[in-house]
Protein backbone atom coordinates (compact mmCIF):
# COMPACT_ATOMS: atom_id res chain seq x y z
CA UNK A 1 -28.15 -169.50 252.92
CA UNK A 2 -27.76 -168.60 256.58
CA UNK A 3 -29.70 -170.95 258.86
CA UNK A 4 -31.31 -169.96 262.13
CA UNK A 5 -28.77 -170.26 264.88
CA UNK A 6 -25.76 -170.21 262.57
CA UNK A 7 -23.07 -167.64 263.28
CA UNK A 8 -21.06 -167.80 260.07
CA UNK A 9 -21.54 -165.01 257.61
CA UNK A 10 -23.03 -162.54 260.08
CA UNK A 11 -21.90 -158.92 260.02
CA UNK A 12 -19.29 -157.83 262.49
CA UNK A 13 -20.42 -156.32 265.75
CA UNK A 14 -23.73 -156.93 267.42
CA UNK A 15 -26.20 -156.09 264.62
CA UNK A 16 -27.44 -159.70 264.57
CA UNK A 17 -27.03 -161.94 267.59
CA UNK A 18 -28.51 -164.92 269.40
CA UNK A 19 -30.22 -163.82 272.59
CA UNK A 20 -31.24 -165.52 275.81
CA UNK A 21 -33.63 -164.82 278.66
CA UNK A 22 -30.62 -163.78 280.73
CA UNK A 23 -29.44 -161.23 278.14
CA UNK A 24 -32.90 -160.00 277.05
CA UNK A 25 -32.92 -156.82 279.11
CA UNK A 26 -29.46 -155.77 277.90
CA UNK A 27 -29.77 -156.96 274.29
CA UNK A 28 -33.34 -155.81 273.68
CA UNK A 29 -34.82 -153.47 276.27
CA UNK A 30 -31.76 -151.33 276.96
CA UNK A 31 -30.33 -151.56 273.43
CA UNK A 32 -33.63 -150.38 271.91
CA UNK A 33 -33.34 -147.10 273.78
CA UNK A 34 -30.64 -146.09 271.31
CA UNK A 35 -31.31 -148.33 268.26
CA UNK A 36 -34.53 -150.14 267.27
CA UNK A 37 -34.30 -153.86 267.99
CA UNK A 38 -36.20 -156.67 266.27
CA UNK A 39 -36.72 -159.84 268.31
CA UNK A 40 -37.30 -163.07 266.39
CA UNK A 41 -38.72 -165.90 268.53
CA UNK A 42 -38.05 -169.20 266.78
CA UNK A 43 -37.35 -172.93 267.36
CA UNK A 44 -35.25 -175.53 265.57
CA UNK A 45 -38.32 -177.64 264.68
CA UNK A 46 -40.19 -174.69 263.11
CA UNK A 47 -40.18 -174.80 259.29
CA UNK A 48 -41.57 -171.26 258.73
CA UNK A 49 -38.88 -169.96 261.10
CA UNK A 50 -36.20 -171.20 258.72
CA UNK A 51 -37.96 -169.36 255.90
CA UNK A 52 -38.32 -166.09 257.80
CA UNK A 53 -34.90 -166.04 259.51
CA UNK A 54 -32.75 -165.46 256.41
CA UNK A 55 -35.15 -162.77 255.13
CA UNK A 56 -34.92 -160.91 258.43
CA UNK A 57 -31.12 -161.20 258.49
CA UNK A 58 -30.85 -159.92 254.91
CA UNK A 59 -33.10 -156.92 255.58
CA UNK A 60 -31.40 -156.05 258.87
CA UNK A 61 -27.97 -156.31 257.27
CA UNK A 62 -29.11 -154.00 254.47
CA UNK A 63 -30.19 -151.44 257.10
CA UNK A 64 -26.48 -151.06 257.96
CA UNK A 65 -26.80 -150.69 261.70
CA UNK A 66 -30.04 -148.67 261.82
CA UNK A 67 -31.77 -151.76 263.26
CA UNK A 68 -30.55 -154.71 265.33
CA UNK A 69 -31.83 -158.28 265.31
CA UNK A 70 -31.90 -160.60 268.34
CA UNK A 71 -32.93 -164.20 267.72
CA UNK A 72 -34.25 -166.23 270.64
CA UNK A 73 -34.84 -169.99 270.67
CA UNK A 74 -38.04 -170.31 272.73
CA UNK A 75 -37.34 -173.94 273.65
CA UNK A 76 -34.18 -172.87 275.48
CA UNK A 77 -35.46 -169.44 276.56
CA UNK A 78 -39.22 -169.49 277.26
CA UNK A 79 -39.48 -166.70 279.85
CA UNK A 80 -39.82 -163.54 277.75
CA UNK A 81 -41.75 -165.35 275.03
CA UNK A 82 -44.27 -166.17 277.73
CA UNK A 83 -44.36 -162.61 279.01
CA UNK A 84 -45.05 -161.34 275.49
CA UNK A 85 -47.77 -163.99 275.10
CA UNK A 86 -46.20 -165.68 272.11
CA UNK A 87 -48.66 -168.40 271.08
CA UNK A 88 -47.17 -169.42 267.75
CA UNK A 89 -43.87 -169.00 265.95
CA UNK A 90 -42.20 -167.39 264.21
CA UNK A 91 -43.18 -164.35 266.26
CA UNK A 92 -41.44 -161.04 265.63
CA UNK A 93 -41.50 -157.98 267.87
CA UNK A 94 -40.03 -154.53 267.23
CA UNK A 95 -38.74 -152.68 270.30
CA UNK A 96 -38.18 -148.92 270.44
CA UNK A 97 -37.39 -147.00 273.59
CA UNK A 98 -37.43 -150.17 275.67
CA UNK A 99 -40.96 -151.17 274.64
CA UNK A 100 -42.58 -153.31 271.92
CA UNK A 101 -44.19 -151.04 269.31
CA UNK A 102 -44.87 -153.33 266.34
CA UNK A 103 -44.68 -156.94 265.29
CA UNK A 104 -46.19 -159.86 263.38
CA UNK A 105 -46.55 -163.63 263.57
CA UNK A 106 -45.89 -166.17 260.87
CA UNK A 107 -43.59 -166.04 257.86
CA UNK A 108 -44.09 -163.07 255.53
CA UNK A 109 -42.94 -162.61 251.93
CA UNK A 110 -39.45 -161.13 251.64
CA UNK A 111 -40.87 -157.85 250.32
CA UNK A 112 -43.04 -157.35 253.44
CA UNK A 113 -40.16 -158.27 255.74
CA UNK A 114 -38.05 -155.64 253.97
CA UNK A 115 -40.80 -153.01 254.42
CA UNK A 116 -41.15 -153.91 258.10
CA UNK A 117 -37.42 -153.46 258.72
CA UNK A 118 -37.18 -150.29 256.64
CA UNK A 119 -39.96 -148.49 258.48
CA UNK A 120 -38.41 -149.49 261.80
CA UNK A 121 -35.02 -148.29 260.58
CA UNK A 122 -36.43 -144.78 260.32
CA UNK A 123 -36.36 -144.68 264.11
CA UNK A 124 -32.58 -144.72 264.16
CA UNK A 125 -31.75 -142.42 261.26
CA UNK A 126 -30.28 -138.97 261.58
CA UNK A 127 -32.89 -136.27 261.89
CA UNK A 128 -35.53 -138.66 263.14
CA UNK A 129 -38.64 -137.10 264.61
CA UNK A 130 -39.93 -137.38 268.13
CA UNK A 131 -40.77 -140.88 269.46
CA UNK A 132 -44.47 -140.09 269.06
CA UNK A 133 -43.99 -138.98 265.45
CA UNK A 134 -41.96 -142.08 264.68
CA UNK A 135 -44.64 -144.32 266.19
CA UNK A 136 -47.34 -142.52 264.22
CA UNK A 137 -45.36 -143.08 261.00
CA UNK A 138 -45.04 -146.77 261.84
CA UNK A 139 -48.75 -147.01 262.59
CA UNK A 140 -49.70 -145.42 259.29
CA UNK A 141 -47.41 -147.75 257.37
CA UNK A 142 -48.87 -150.73 259.23
CA UNK A 143 -52.34 -149.60 258.16
CA UNK A 144 -51.20 -149.36 254.54
CA UNK A 145 -49.93 -152.94 254.78
CA UNK A 146 -53.22 -154.10 256.28
CA UNK A 147 -51.58 -154.87 259.63
CA UNK A 148 -54.36 -153.58 261.91
CA UNK A 149 -52.84 -155.21 265.00
CA UNK A 150 -49.47 -153.52 264.51
CA UNK A 151 -51.14 -150.16 263.83
CA UNK A 152 -53.31 -150.44 266.94
CA UNK A 153 -50.29 -151.30 269.09
CA UNK A 154 -48.33 -148.29 267.83
CA UNK A 155 -51.24 -145.86 268.27
CA UNK A 156 -51.91 -147.21 271.76
CA UNK A 157 -48.26 -146.73 272.69
CA UNK A 158 -48.45 -143.05 271.65
CA UNK A 159 -51.61 -142.57 273.73
CA UNK A 160 -49.99 -144.22 276.74
CA UNK A 161 -47.51 -141.33 276.83
CA UNK A 162 -49.70 -138.61 275.27
CA UNK A 163 -53.34 -139.41 276.17
CA UNK A 164 -54.71 -136.46 274.16
CA UNK A 165 -52.64 -136.94 270.99
CA UNK A 166 -55.30 -136.22 268.37
CA UNK A 167 -53.51 -137.98 265.50
CA UNK A 168 -53.17 -141.16 267.56
CA UNK A 169 -56.80 -141.02 268.67
CA UNK A 170 -57.97 -140.53 265.10
CA UNK A 171 -55.68 -143.31 263.90
CA UNK A 172 -56.89 -145.76 266.54
CA UNK A 173 -60.49 -144.92 265.67
CA UNK A 174 -59.63 -145.65 262.03
CA UNK A 175 -58.25 -149.07 263.07
CA UNK A 176 -61.48 -149.95 264.88
CA UNK A 177 -63.53 -148.72 261.93
CA UNK A 178 -61.46 -150.84 259.52
CA UNK A 179 -62.01 -153.88 261.76
CA UNK A 180 -65.79 -153.33 261.68
CA UNK A 181 -66.21 -151.95 265.20
CA UNK A 182 -67.77 -148.57 264.42
CA UNK A 183 -69.17 -148.21 267.96
CA UNK A 184 -65.71 -148.35 269.51
CA UNK A 185 -64.39 -146.01 266.81
CA UNK A 186 -67.14 -143.52 267.65
CA UNK A 187 -66.33 -143.75 271.37
CA UNK A 188 -62.71 -142.81 270.69
CA UNK A 189 -63.68 -139.90 268.44
CA UNK A 190 -66.04 -138.62 271.14
CA UNK A 191 -63.06 -138.54 273.55
CA UNK A 192 -61.10 -136.13 271.35
CA UNK A 193 -60.62 -132.78 273.15
CA UNK A 194 -63.20 -130.19 272.12
CA UNK A 195 -62.00 -127.90 269.34
CA UNK A 196 -59.19 -130.23 268.24
CA UNK A 197 -58.43 -130.05 264.52
CA UNK A 198 -56.75 -132.67 262.34
CA UNK A 199 -57.37 -133.85 258.75
CA UNK A 200 -57.36 -137.52 259.82
CA UNK A 201 -59.92 -136.74 262.53
CA UNK A 202 -62.16 -135.10 259.92
CA UNK A 203 -61.69 -138.13 257.68
CA UNK A 204 -62.67 -140.59 260.42
CA UNK A 205 -65.73 -138.53 261.32
CA UNK A 206 -66.78 -138.57 257.67
CA UNK A 207 -66.25 -142.34 257.54
CA UNK A 208 -68.38 -142.79 260.66
CA UNK A 209 -71.13 -140.70 259.09
CA UNK A 210 -71.04 -143.03 256.08
CA UNK A 211 -70.98 -146.14 258.28
CA UNK A 212 -74.26 -145.05 259.83
CA UNK A 213 -75.88 -145.69 256.44
CA UNK A 214 -74.39 -149.18 256.17
CA UNK A 215 -77.42 -150.97 257.63
CA UNK A 216 -79.70 -149.79 254.82
CA UNK A 217 -81.04 -152.48 252.50
CA UNK A 218 -79.79 -152.13 248.95
CA UNK A 219 -82.13 -154.57 247.17
CA UNK A 220 -85.24 -152.31 247.16
CA UNK A 221 -83.16 -149.40 245.86
CA UNK A 222 -81.64 -151.55 243.12
CA UNK A 223 -85.15 -152.65 242.10
CA UNK A 224 -86.26 -149.02 241.85
CA UNK A 225 -83.28 -148.24 239.62
CA UNK A 226 -84.00 -151.26 237.44
CA UNK A 227 -87.48 -149.84 236.85
CA UNK A 228 -86.29 -146.26 236.42
CA UNK A 229 -82.55 -145.57 235.84
CA UNK A 230 -83.26 -141.85 236.24
CA UNK A 231 -84.57 -142.25 239.81
CA UNK A 232 -81.83 -140.03 241.29
CA UNK A 233 -83.21 -140.28 244.81
CA UNK A 234 -82.94 -144.08 244.77
CA UNK A 235 -79.45 -143.88 243.27
CA UNK A 236 -78.30 -141.40 245.94
CA UNK A 237 -79.66 -143.57 248.76
CA UNK A 238 -78.04 -146.64 247.18
CA UNK A 239 -74.71 -144.80 247.00
CA UNK A 240 -74.99 -143.91 250.69
CA UNK A 241 -75.77 -147.50 251.63
CA UNK A 242 -72.89 -148.89 249.57
CA UNK A 243 -70.43 -146.37 251.02
CA UNK A 244 -71.59 -147.31 254.52
CA UNK A 245 -70.80 -150.94 253.75
CA UNK A 246 -67.32 -149.95 252.57
CA UNK A 247 -68.07 -150.32 248.85
CA UNK A 248 -66.69 -146.88 248.09
CA UNK A 249 -65.92 -147.36 244.39
CA UNK A 250 -69.45 -148.55 243.61
CA UNK A 251 -70.86 -145.60 245.56
CA UNK A 252 -68.68 -143.19 243.58
CA UNK A 253 -69.92 -144.72 240.30
CA UNK A 254 -73.55 -144.08 241.25
CA UNK A 255 -72.92 -140.52 242.40
CA UNK A 256 -71.01 -139.64 239.24
CA UNK A 257 -73.87 -141.09 237.21
CA UNK A 258 -76.25 -138.63 238.89
CA UNK A 259 -73.90 -135.69 238.34
CA UNK A 260 -73.46 -136.61 234.70
CA UNK A 261 -77.25 -136.60 234.19
CA UNK A 262 -78.08 -133.55 236.34
CA UNK A 263 -75.25 -131.93 238.27
CA UNK A 264 -77.60 -129.45 240.01
CA UNK A 265 -80.16 -132.05 241.15
CA UNK A 266 -81.38 -131.58 244.73
CA UNK A 267 -79.00 -128.71 245.47
CA UNK A 268 -75.98 -130.72 244.25
CA UNK A 269 -76.71 -133.53 246.72
CA UNK A 270 -74.71 -136.08 244.72
CA UNK A 271 -71.63 -133.86 244.57
CA UNK A 272 -71.82 -133.16 248.32
CA UNK A 273 -72.07 -136.88 249.08
CA UNK A 274 -69.16 -137.53 246.74
CA UNK A 275 -66.98 -135.07 248.65
CA UNK A 276 -67.90 -136.80 251.92
CA UNK A 277 -66.70 -140.10 250.46
CA UNK A 278 -63.43 -138.52 249.33
CA UNK A 279 -62.87 -137.19 252.84
CA UNK A 280 -63.75 -140.52 254.45
CA UNK A 281 -61.41 -142.44 252.14
CA UNK A 282 -58.65 -139.87 252.60
CA UNK A 283 -57.85 -137.12 250.13
CA UNK A 284 -54.67 -138.88 249.00
CA UNK A 285 -56.41 -142.25 248.51
CA UNK A 286 -56.82 -143.78 245.06
CA UNK A 287 -60.59 -143.59 245.47
CA UNK A 288 -60.41 -139.82 245.99
CA UNK A 289 -57.81 -139.18 243.29
CA UNK A 290 -59.60 -141.26 240.64
CA UNK A 291 -62.97 -139.84 241.68
CA UNK A 292 -61.76 -136.25 241.39
CA UNK A 293 -60.37 -136.91 237.93
CA UNK A 294 -63.67 -138.39 236.79
CA UNK A 295 -65.64 -135.56 238.39
CA UNK A 296 -63.49 -132.96 236.63
CA UNK A 297 -63.99 -134.70 233.31
CA UNK A 298 -67.77 -134.47 233.78
CA UNK A 299 -67.83 -130.88 235.04
CA UNK A 300 -65.57 -129.53 232.32
CA UNK A 301 -66.78 -131.60 229.40
């Protein structure tokens, strides 16, 4: 096993190297303008650092030059760690184009480390998209991994260069919505240029519409349904409230129950609400895909 700070067994060249404050600009900032660079801030006394270090080295080596790794002992080189506001270690930052665009703190499982390196490696591959497109891809993958901080950082970096990038604005709004700050998400959506079109923007707007129902009390509606399972109005309102609280699957169950009993009820109100949930969750989400399959089974039975 390669230990942090060891030099034996490393690949030839400068794919993995020990960095210093003096070499940071050359090894990280300038180097990342041609190849993505991962910076691993560590210390000899840090147990989790010794767990993360070999996983990072293995993943970077497997990337075969598409990504570089610079390891910096913060005890000997505190300057840039301080500038990047490193408060705990291990702390990992991904640099692209001379700027940090992603990162995480603490030791991650090997599988997540591998995913982190692989998505960064896409920046250096042949046929890579524009820097904005690459950052958007990284942001979306961070969201899928539940890394809201990394996603927000990538979306913000896109907006720093392209203030009216609709995909980045919609993505950042989605991050705020996922973190429970629907007011801030709504502010960002309201800043989108008039007439702008994007599927993710439509999805976020649908999610915000659902979130507006999240303050509704569910207990009275559940009591009404306990008394009368065929109270479609109560079931619809309960589905809206559950969806607003993020309980999408439960909301879908209630809406499908209405459709199964009376698909035409209230001008197909349940089906319309179901489609709003699919849009809010994302048409490629498991909630939407499973819900559409179940809806089809009901409609064509």
